[in-house]
Amino acid sequence: MSVCGSWSRSVVSLLLVGATIATGCSASRGTQADTTVPSAQLEQDAARLYASCMAERGYVVELDGRGGSRFDIPAGQEAGATAADEVCSAKASAVLGPPRVPTAEELLDRYEFLLEMKTCLEAEGYDISEPPSRDSFVDATGANWYPFAEIAPTDEAEWSRLNERCPQF
């Protein structure tokens, strides 16, 4: 079984939240008073830490340089992969520090971006649900709708093609 996507999905969608803020889903996260967003270098460091941690647990993670990752899960090892992912996601999250809550303006910018993503994915032949209202999206801090989460590409080549045509970040 192959797992493709963003390692951050398991880390409370760090890149998705990061992309919501920058997003991605991107200086250092610190206290809530700190309004900066993790730098691309910091996110790459977190992604490399995640990949290294997973490798220590027997899972080779390939990073695509844009926050995406892929790793194979041997049959019967799904529970072990999930446990490894949880541990490694927590370590990677620690590099970024605690997430800050995006502003309403940032969330509305993200909402507009996701509407464009929806249109793009539909043009590629995928059915995407109707978005929540802007108010609902802001109230949920952007966690209630993400078009890419609704698709199931047939293979890695299709996933890569869609990411090129309809970027997530």
N, C-alpha and C. Protein backbone atom coordinates (compact mmCIF):
# COMPACT_ATOMS: atom_id res chain seq x y z
N MET A 1 0.85 -1.17 0.00
CA MET A 1 0.00 0.00 0.00
C MET A 1 0.89 1.23 0.00
N SER A 2 0.60 2.19 -0.86
CA SER A 2 1.35 3.43 -0.91
C SER A 2 0.55 4.53 -0.27
N VAL A 3 1.22 5.37 0.45
CA VAL A 3 0.59 6.54 1.03
C VAL A 3 1.23 7.74 0.37
N CYS A 4 0.42 8.54 -0.30
CA CYS A 4 0.91 9.73 -0.96
C CYS A 4 0.22 10.92 -0.35
N GLY A 5 0.89 12.02 -0.36
CA GLY A 5 0.26 13.23 0.11
C GLY A 5 1.20 14.07 0.90
N SER A 6 0.66 14.75 1.83
CA SER A 6 1.45 15.65 2.64
C SER A 6 1.66 15.05 4.01
N TRP A 7 2.92 14.94 4.44
CA TRP A 7 3.18 14.37 5.76
C TRP A 7 2.44 15.15 6.80
N SER A 8 2.20 16.37 6.52
CA SER A 8 1.56 17.23 7.50
C SER A 8 0.10 16.92 7.73
N ARG A 9 -0.51 16.19 6.82
CA ARG A 9 -1.90 15.80 7.06
C ARG A 9 -2.05 15.16 8.42
N SER A 10 -1.07 14.38 8.81
CA SER A 10 -1.11 13.71 10.10
C SER A 10 -0.73 14.65 11.22
N VAL A 11 -0.14 15.73 10.90
CA VAL A 11 0.31 16.69 11.90
C VAL A 11 -0.70 17.82 11.95
N VAL A 12 -1.94 17.45 12.12
CA VAL A 12 -3.03 18.41 12.14
C VAL A 12 -2.91 19.32 10.93
N SER A 13 -2.59 18.68 9.82
CA SER A 13 -2.47 19.38 8.55
C SER A 13 -1.61 20.62 8.65
N LEU A 14 -0.41 20.44 9.15
CA LEU A 14 0.48 21.60 9.33
C LEU A 14 0.67 22.38 8.05
N LEU A 15 0.93 21.68 6.96
CA LEU A 15 1.12 22.44 5.75
C LEU A 15 -0.19 23.00 5.24
N LEU A 16 -1.25 22.29 5.48
CA LEU A 16 -2.55 22.82 5.11
C LEU A 16 -2.84 24.06 5.92
N VAL A 17 -2.62 23.99 7.21
CA VAL A 17 -2.81 25.16 8.06
C VAL A 17 -1.75 26.20 7.70
N GLY A 18 -0.51 25.74 7.50
CA GLY A 18 0.55 26.67 7.09
C GLY A 18 0.20 27.33 5.78
N ALA A 19 -0.37 26.54 4.87
CA ALA A 19 -0.77 27.10 3.59
C ALA A 19 -1.96 28.02 3.78
N THR A 20 -2.80 27.74 4.74
CA THR A 20 -3.92 28.62 5.04
C THR A 20 -3.38 29.96 5.50
N ILE A 21 -2.30 29.91 6.22
CA ILE A 21 -1.74 31.14 6.75
C ILE A 21 -0.89 31.82 5.69
N ALA A 22 -0.06 31.06 4.93
CA ALA A 22 0.84 31.68 3.95
C ALA A 22 0.14 31.87 2.70
N THR A 23 -0.40 29.44 3.62
CA THR A 23 -1.72 29.06 3.45
C THR A 23 -2.10 29.47 4.32
N GLY A 24 -2.64 24.88 2.76
CA GLY A 24 -0.05 24.73 2.80
C GLY A 24 -0.98 25.49 3.51
N CYS A 25 -0.43 25.96 1.93
CA CYS A 25 -0.27 25.14 3.21
C CYS A 25 0.75 25.38 2.84
N SER A 26 5.12 30.23 3.70
CA SER A 26 5.11 29.47 4.84
C SER A 26 6.37 29.54 5.65
N ALA A 27 8.90 32.55 9.03
CA ALA A 27 9.81 32.70 10.08
C ALA A 27 9.45 31.76 11.17
N SER A 28 9.34 31.81 12.19
CA SER A 28 9.20 30.76 13.18
C SER A 28 7.89 30.92 13.90
N ARG A 29 7.30 29.81 14.29
CA ARG A 29 6.07 29.88 15.08
C ARG A 29 6.50 29.95 16.52
N GLY A 30 5.96 30.87 17.23
CA GLY A 30 6.31 30.98 18.63
C GLY A 30 5.06 31.15 19.45
N THR A 31 5.01 32.19 20.23
CA THR A 31 3.86 32.42 21.08
C THR A 31 2.69 32.88 20.23
N GLN A 32 1.51 32.93 20.83
CA GLN A 32 0.35 33.37 20.08
C GLN A 32 0.50 34.80 19.62
N ALA A 33 1.30 35.59 20.31
CA ALA A 33 1.53 36.97 19.90
C ALA A 33 2.39 37.02 18.64
N ASP A 34 3.11 35.95 18.38
CA ASP A 34 3.96 35.88 17.21
C ASP A 34 3.09 35.62 15.99
N THR A 35 3.08 36.54 15.05
CA THR A 35 2.21 36.39 13.88
C THR A 35 2.97 35.93 12.66
N THR A 36 4.20 35.49 12.82
CA THR A 36 4.96 35.03 11.68
C THR A 36 4.57 33.60 11.33
N VAL A 37 4.92 33.21 10.14
CA VAL A 37 4.60 31.89 9.62
C VAL A 37 5.92 31.14 9.43
N PRO A 38 5.91 29.81 9.60
CA PRO A 38 7.16 29.07 9.42
C PRO A 38 7.77 29.34 8.04
N SER A 39 9.07 29.53 8.02
CA SER A 39 9.75 29.73 6.75
C SER A 39 9.75 28.43 5.97
N ALA A 40 9.99 28.55 4.68
CA ALA A 40 10.08 27.35 3.84
C ALA A 40 11.20 26.46 4.36
N GLN A 41 12.30 27.06 4.81
CA GLN A 41 13.42 26.27 5.33
C GLN A 41 13.01 25.49 6.57
N LEU A 42 12.28 26.13 7.47
CA LEU A 42 11.83 25.46 8.69
C LEU A 42 10.89 24.30 8.35
N GLU A 43 10.00 24.52 7.38
CA GLU A 43 9.09 23.45 6.97
C GLU A 43 9.87 22.31 6.32
N GLN A 44 10.89 22.64 5.52
CA GLN A 44 11.71 21.58 4.92
C GLN A 44 12.46 20.81 5.99
N ASP A 45 12.96 21.52 7.01
CA ASP A 45 13.64 20.85 8.12
C ASP A 45 12.68 19.88 8.82
N ALA A 46 11.45 20.33 9.04
CA ALA A 46 10.45 19.47 9.68
C ALA A 46 10.15 18.25 8.81
N ALA A 47 10.04 18.46 7.51
CA ALA A 47 9.76 17.35 6.60
C ALA A 47 10.91 16.35 6.61
N ARG A 48 12.15 16.85 6.61
CA ARG A 48 13.31 15.94 6.66
C ARG A 48 13.36 15.18 7.98
N LEU A 49 13.03 15.85 9.08
CA LEU A 49 12.98 15.18 10.38
C LEU A 49 11.94 14.07 10.36
N TYR A 50 10.78 14.36 9.79
CA TYR A 50 9.71 13.35 9.67
C TYR A 50 10.22 12.14 8.88
N ALA A 51 10.84 12.41 7.72
CA ALA A 51 11.33 11.31 6.87
C ALA A 51 12.38 10.49 7.60
N SER A 52 13.29 11.16 8.30
CA SER A 52 14.34 10.46 9.05
C SER A 52 13.73 9.60 10.16
N CYS A 53 12.78 10.16 10.86
CA CYS A 53 12.11 9.44 11.95
C CYS A 53 11.40 8.20 11.41
N MET A 54 10.71 8.36 10.29
CA MET A 54 10.01 7.22 9.69
C MET A 54 11.01 6.16 9.24
N ALA A 55 12.15 6.60 8.69
CA ALA A 55 13.18 5.65 8.24
C ALA A 55 13.72 4.84 9.42
N GLU A 56 13.87 5.49 10.58
CA GLU A 56 14.33 4.78 11.78
C GLU A 56 13.34 3.69 12.17
N ARG A 57 12.11 3.83 11.74
CA ARG A 57 11.07 2.86 12.07
C ARG A 57 10.77 1.91 10.91
N GLY A 58 11.62 1.98 9.88
CA GLY A 58 11.52 1.03 8.78
C GLY A 58 10.68 1.47 7.59
N TYR A 59 10.30 2.73 7.52
CA TYR A 59 9.48 3.23 6.41
C TYR A 59 10.28 4.28 5.65
N VAL A 60 10.55 4.01 4.39
CA VAL A 60 11.30 4.94 3.56
C VAL A 60 10.32 5.96 2.99
N VAL A 61 10.54 7.22 3.34
CA VAL A 61 9.67 8.31 2.90
C VAL A 61 10.40 9.10 1.84
N GLU A 62 9.73 9.29 0.71
CA GLU A 62 10.26 10.12 -0.35
C GLU A 62 9.60 11.49 -0.24
N LEU A 63 10.41 12.55 -0.19
CA LEU A 63 9.89 13.90 -0.12
C LEU A 63 9.95 14.52 -1.50
N ASP A 64 8.93 15.31 -1.83
CA ASP A 64 8.91 15.93 -3.16
C ASP A 64 9.43 17.36 -3.17
N GLY A 65 9.86 17.89 -2.01
CA GLY A 65 10.40 19.23 -1.95
C GLY A 65 9.34 20.33 -1.83
N ARG A 66 8.05 19.94 -1.88
CA ARG A 66 6.96 20.91 -1.77
C ARG A 66 6.09 20.59 -0.56
N GLY A 67 6.58 19.77 0.35
CA GLY A 67 5.79 19.40 1.51
C GLY A 67 5.05 18.09 1.33
N GLY A 68 5.12 17.52 0.15
CA GLY A 68 4.46 16.25 -0.12
C GLY A 68 5.40 15.10 0.19
N SER A 69 4.81 13.95 0.44
CA SER A 69 5.61 12.77 0.74
C SER A 69 4.90 11.53 0.25
N ARG A 70 5.67 10.45 0.19
CA ARG A 70 5.14 9.15 -0.21
C ARG A 70 5.91 8.09 0.53
N PHE A 71 5.20 7.09 1.03
CA PHE A 71 5.89 5.93 1.58
C PHE A 71 5.00 4.71 1.41
N ASP A 72 5.67 3.57 1.29
CA ASP A 72 4.96 2.30 1.11
C ASP A 72 4.75 1.64 2.46
N ILE A 73 3.58 1.05 2.61
CA ILE A 73 3.25 0.30 3.83
C ILE A 73 3.10 -1.16 3.44
N PRO A 74 4.01 -2.00 3.88
CA PRO A 74 3.89 -3.43 3.57
C PRO A 74 2.58 -3.99 4.14
N ALA A 75 2.01 -4.95 3.43
CA ALA A 75 0.76 -5.57 3.87
C ALA A 75 0.89 -6.06 5.30
N GLY A 76 -0.13 -5.77 6.10
CA GLY A 76 -0.16 -6.21 7.47
C GLY A 76 0.55 -5.28 8.45
N GLN A 77 1.14 -4.20 7.94
CA GLN A 77 1.87 -3.29 8.82
C GLN A 77 1.19 -1.92 8.95
N GLU A 78 -0.10 -1.88 8.63
CA GLU A 78 -0.83 -0.61 8.68
C GLU A 78 -0.82 0.00 10.08
N ALA A 79 -1.04 -0.82 11.11
CA ALA A 79 -1.07 -0.30 12.48
C ALA A 79 0.29 0.24 12.88
N GLY A 80 1.36 -0.45 12.51
CA GLY A 80 2.71 0.02 12.82
C GLY A 80 3.03 1.32 12.09
N ALA A 81 2.57 1.42 10.85
CA ALA A 81 2.81 2.65 10.08
C ALA A 81 2.05 3.82 10.69
N THR A 82 0.84 3.57 11.14
CA THR A 82 0.05 4.63 11.79
C THR A 82 0.73 5.09 13.07
N ALA A 83 1.22 4.14 13.87
CA ALA A 83 1.90 4.49 15.11
C ALA A 83 3.18 5.28 14.82
N ALA A 84 3.94 4.83 13.84
CA ALA A 84 5.18 5.54 13.46
C ALA A 84 4.85 6.94 12.97
N ASP A 85 3.80 7.05 12.17
CA ASP A 85 3.39 8.35 11.65
C ASP A 85 3.03 9.31 12.79
N GLU A 86 2.33 8.81 13.78
CA GLU A 86 1.93 9.66 14.91
C GLU A 86 3.15 10.17 15.67
N VAL A 87 4.12 9.28 15.93
CA VAL A 87 5.33 9.67 16.66
C VAL A 87 6.14 10.68 15.83
N CYS A 88 6.33 10.36 14.57
CA CYS A 88 7.17 11.21 13.72
C CYS A 88 6.49 12.54 13.40
N SER A 89 5.19 12.53 13.26
CA SER A 89 4.45 13.77 13.04
C SER A 89 4.60 14.70 14.25
N ALA A 90 4.55 14.12 15.45
CA ALA A 90 4.71 14.92 16.66
C ALA A 90 6.11 15.54 16.71
N LYS A 91 7.13 14.76 16.33
CA LYS A 91 8.49 15.30 16.32
C LYS A 91 8.62 16.43 15.30
N ALA A 92 8.05 16.23 14.14
CA ALA A 92 8.11 17.27 13.10
C ALA A 92 7.35 18.51 13.54
N SER A 93 6.23 18.32 14.20
CA SER A 93 5.44 19.46 14.68
C SER A 93 6.22 20.28 15.69
N ALA A 94 7.03 19.62 16.51
CA ALA A 94 7.82 20.32 17.52
C ALA A 94 8.81 21.29 16.89
N VAL A 95 9.31 20.96 15.69
CA VAL A 95 10.23 21.85 14.98
C VAL A 95 9.52 23.16 14.62
N LEU A 96 8.26 23.05 14.26
CA LEU A 96 7.51 24.23 13.83
C LEU A 96 6.95 25.03 14.99
N GLY A 97 6.84 24.40 16.14
CA GLY A 97 6.27 25.08 17.29
C GLY A 97 4.76 25.04 17.23
N PRO A 98 4.12 25.62 18.24
CA PRO A 98 2.66 25.57 18.27
C PRO A 98 2.06 26.40 17.15
N PRO A 99 1.02 25.90 16.52
CA PRO A 99 0.41 26.66 15.43
C PRO A 99 -0.32 27.88 15.97
N ARG A 100 -0.36 28.90 15.18
CA ARG A 100 -1.15 30.06 15.55
C ARG A 100 -2.45 30.02 14.78
N VAL A 101 -3.44 30.66 15.31
CA VAL A 101 -4.75 30.69 14.65
C VAL A 101 -4.68 31.75 13.55
N PRO A 102 -5.02 31.37 12.32
CA PRO A 102 -5.00 32.36 11.24
C PRO A 102 -6.06 33.43 11.46
N THR A 103 -5.81 34.61 10.92
CA THR A 103 -6.78 35.69 11.02
C THR A 103 -7.94 35.42 10.06
N ALA A 104 -9.04 36.11 10.27
CA ALA A 104 -10.19 35.97 9.37
C ALA A 104 -9.79 36.35 7.95
N GLU A 105 -8.97 37.38 7.79
CA GLU A 105 -8.53 37.79 6.46
C GLU A 105 -7.72 36.68 5.78
N GLU A 106 -6.83 36.04 6.53
CA GLU A 106 -6.04 34.94 5.98
C GLU A 106 -6.95 33.78 5.59
N LEU A 107 -7.93 33.50 6.43
CA LEU A 107 -8.86 32.41 6.13
C LEU A 107 -9.69 32.72 4.89
N LEU A 108 -10.11 33.95 4.73
CA LEU A 108 -10.88 34.32 3.54
C LEU A 108 -10.02 34.24 2.28
N ASP A 109 -8.74 34.60 2.39
CA ASP A 109 -7.82 34.43 1.25
C ASP A 109 -7.70 32.95 0.91
N ARG A 110 -7.60 32.11 1.95
CA ARG A 110 -7.49 30.66 1.73
C ARG A 110 -8.77 30.12 1.11
N TYR A 111 -9.90 30.62 1.55
CA TYR A 111 -11.19 30.20 1.02
C TYR A 111 -11.25 30.47 -0.49
N GLU A 112 -10.82 31.65 -0.90
CA GLU A 112 -10.81 31.99 -2.33
C GLU A 112 -9.88 31.05 -3.10
N PHE A 113 -8.73 30.75 -2.52
CA PHE A 113 -7.78 29.83 -3.14
C PHE A 113 -8.43 28.45 -3.31
N LEU A 114 -9.14 27.99 -2.28
CA LEU A 114 -9.78 26.67 -2.35
C LEU A 114 -10.92 26.65 -3.37
N LEU A 115 -11.59 27.77 -3.55
CA LEU A 115 -12.62 27.84 -4.60
C LEU A 115 -11.98 27.65 -5.98
N GLU A 116 -10.81 28.25 -6.18
CA GLU A 116 -10.08 28.06 -7.44
C GLU A 116 -9.64 26.60 -7.59
N MET A 117 -9.19 25.99 -6.48
CA MET A 117 -8.79 24.59 -6.51
C MET A 117 -9.98 23.71 -6.89
N LYS A 118 -11.14 23.99 -6.32
CA LYS A 118 -12.37 23.24 -6.63
C LYS A 118 -12.65 23.30 -8.13
N THR A 119 -12.60 24.50 -8.69
CA THR A 119 -12.86 24.69 -10.12
C THR A 119 -11.87 23.90 -10.96
N CYS A 120 -10.61 23.94 -10.57
CA CYS A 120 -9.57 23.23 -11.30
C CYS A 120 -9.80 21.71 -11.25
N LEU A 121 -10.07 21.19 -10.06
CA LEU A 121 -10.28 19.75 -9.92
C LEU A 121 -11.53 19.30 -10.68
N GLU A 122 -12.55 20.12 -10.67
CA GLU A 122 -13.76 19.78 -11.44
C GLU A 122 -13.46 19.76 -12.94
N ALA A 123 -12.61 20.69 -13.40
CA ALA A 123 -12.21 20.71 -14.81
C ALA A 123 -11.42 19.46 -15.18
N GLU A 124 -10.79 18.85 -14.17
CA GLU A 124 -10.05 17.60 -14.38
C GLU A 124 -10.95 16.37 -14.27
N GLY A 125 -12.24 16.59 -14.05
CA GLY A 125 -13.20 15.49 -14.04
C GLY A 125 -13.59 14.97 -12.67
N TYR A 126 -13.19 15.63 -11.61
CA TYR A 126 -13.53 15.18 -10.25
C TYR A 126 -14.75 15.92 -9.73
N ASP A 127 -15.59 15.21 -9.01
CA ASP A 127 -16.75 15.81 -8.36
C ASP A 127 -16.31 16.31 -6.99
N ILE A 128 -16.53 17.59 -6.74
CA ILE A 128 -16.15 18.20 -5.47
C ILE A 128 -17.41 18.78 -4.83
N SER A 129 -17.55 18.58 -3.54
CA SER A 129 -18.73 19.07 -2.82
C SER A 129 -18.81 20.59 -2.86
N GLU A 130 -19.99 21.07 -2.59
CA GLU A 130 -20.18 22.51 -2.50
C GLU A 130 -19.45 23.02 -1.26
N PRO A 131 -18.84 24.19 -1.36
CA PRO A 131 -18.11 24.71 -0.21
C PRO A 131 -19.06 25.18 0.88
N PRO A 132 -18.57 25.23 2.10
CA PRO A 132 -19.38 25.82 3.17
C PRO A 132 -19.47 27.33 2.91
N SER A 133 -20.31 27.99 3.63
CA SER A 133 -20.36 29.45 3.51
C SER A 133 -19.04 30.04 3.99
N ARG A 134 -18.76 31.25 3.57
CA ARG A 134 -17.53 31.92 4.03
C ARG A 134 -17.51 31.99 5.56
N ASP A 135 -18.65 32.36 6.15
CA ASP A 135 -18.71 32.48 7.61
C ASP A 135 -18.43 31.15 8.29
N SER A 136 -19.02 30.08 7.76
CA SER A 136 -18.80 28.76 8.32
C SER A 136 -17.33 28.35 8.21
N PHE A 137 -16.71 28.64 7.07
CA PHE A 137 -15.30 28.33 6.84
C PHE A 137 -14.43 29.06 7.86
N VAL A 138 -14.70 30.34 8.07
CA VAL A 138 -13.92 31.14 9.03
C VAL A 138 -14.16 30.63 10.45
N ASP A 139 -15.41 30.34 10.79
CA ASP A 139 -15.73 29.84 12.14
C ASP A 139 -15.01 28.53 12.43
N ALA A 140 -14.82 27.70 11.41
CA ALA A 140 -14.15 26.41 11.57
C ALA A 140 -12.63 26.52 11.36
N THR A 141 -12.13 27.74 11.30
CA THR A 141 -10.72 28.04 11.01
C THR A 141 -10.20 27.25 9.80
N GLY A 142 -11.08 27.11 8.82
CA GLY A 142 -10.68 26.48 7.56
C GLY A 142 -10.62 24.98 7.58
N ALA A 143 -11.04 24.36 8.67
CA ALA A 143 -10.89 22.90 8.80
C ALA A 143 -12.09 22.11 8.26
N ASN A 144 -13.10 22.79 7.73
CA ASN A 144 -14.30 22.05 7.34
C ASN A 144 -14.43 21.81 5.84
N TRP A 145 -13.44 22.19 5.05
CA TRP A 145 -13.54 21.94 3.61
C TRP A 145 -12.18 22.04 2.95
N TYR A 146 -11.80 20.99 2.23
CA TYR A 146 -10.55 20.98 1.48
C TYR A 146 -10.75 20.09 0.25
N PRO A 147 -10.90 20.69 -0.94
CA PRO A 147 -11.23 19.91 -2.14
C PRO A 147 -10.32 18.73 -2.43
N PHE A 148 -9.03 18.86 -2.22
CA PHE A 148 -8.12 17.75 -2.53
C PHE A 148 -8.42 16.53 -1.67
N ALA A 149 -8.98 16.71 -0.49
CA ALA A 149 -9.30 15.58 0.39
C ALA A 149 -10.44 14.73 -0.17
N GLU A 150 -11.15 15.25 -1.16
CA GLU A 150 -12.30 14.55 -1.72
C GLU A 150 -11.98 13.70 -2.93
N ILE A 151 -10.74 13.73 -3.38
CA ILE A 151 -10.41 13.00 -4.60
C ILE A 151 -9.58 11.76 -4.27
N ALA A 152 -9.62 10.83 -5.18
CA ALA A 152 -8.84 9.60 -5.03
C ALA A 152 -8.16 9.30 -6.36
N PRO A 153 -7.00 9.95 -6.60
CA PRO A 153 -6.29 9.69 -7.86
C PRO A 153 -6.00 8.21 -8.01
N THR A 154 -6.00 7.75 -9.23
CA THR A 154 -5.83 6.33 -9.51
C THR A 154 -4.42 5.82 -9.24
N ASP A 155 -3.43 6.69 -9.35
CA ASP A 155 -2.05 6.27 -9.11
C ASP A 155 -1.18 7.50 -8.83
N GLU A 156 0.09 7.26 -8.56
CA GLU A 156 1.00 8.34 -8.21
C GLU A 156 1.18 9.33 -9.36
N ALA A 157 1.19 8.83 -10.59
CA ALA A 157 1.34 9.72 -11.75
C ALA A 157 0.16 10.69 -11.83
N GLU A 158 -1.04 10.19 -11.57
CA GLU A 158 -2.23 11.05 -11.59
C GLU A 158 -2.16 12.06 -10.44
N TRP A 159 -1.73 11.62 -9.27
CA TRP A 159 -1.57 12.53 -8.12
C TRP A 159 -0.61 13.66 -8.47
N SER A 160 0.53 13.31 -9.06
CA SER A 160 1.53 14.32 -9.44
C SER A 160 0.98 15.26 -10.49
N ARG A 161 0.28 14.72 -11.48
CA ARG A 161 -0.30 15.55 -12.54
C ARG A 161 -1.29 16.55 -11.95
N LEU A 162 -2.15 16.06 -11.05
CA LEU A 162 -3.13 16.96 -10.43
C LEU A 162 -2.47 18.04 -9.58
N ASN A 163 -1.41 17.69 -8.88
CA ASN A 163 -0.68 18.67 -8.08
C ASN A 163 -0.01 19.73 -8.95
N GLU A 164 0.37 19.36 -10.14
CA GLU A 164 0.94 20.34 -11.08
C GLU A 164 -0.15 21.24 -11.65
N ARG A 165 -1.26 20.65 -12.05
CA ARG A 165 -2.35 21.42 -12.67
C ARG A 165 -3.16 22.23 -11.65
N CYS A 166 -3.36 21.67 -10.47
CA CYS A 166 -4.18 22.30 -9.43
C CYS A 166 -3.37 22.33 -8.14
N PRO A 167 -2.38 23.20 -8.04
CA PRO A 167 -1.50 23.20 -6.87
C PRO A 167 -2.27 23.34 -5.55
N GLN A 168 -1.79 22.63 -4.55
CA GLN A 168 -2.40 22.70 -3.23
C GLN A 168 -1.88 23.88 -2.43
N PHE A 169 -0.74 24.43 -2.84
CA PHE A 169 -0.14 25.54 -2.09
C PHE A 169 0.28 26.63 -3.04
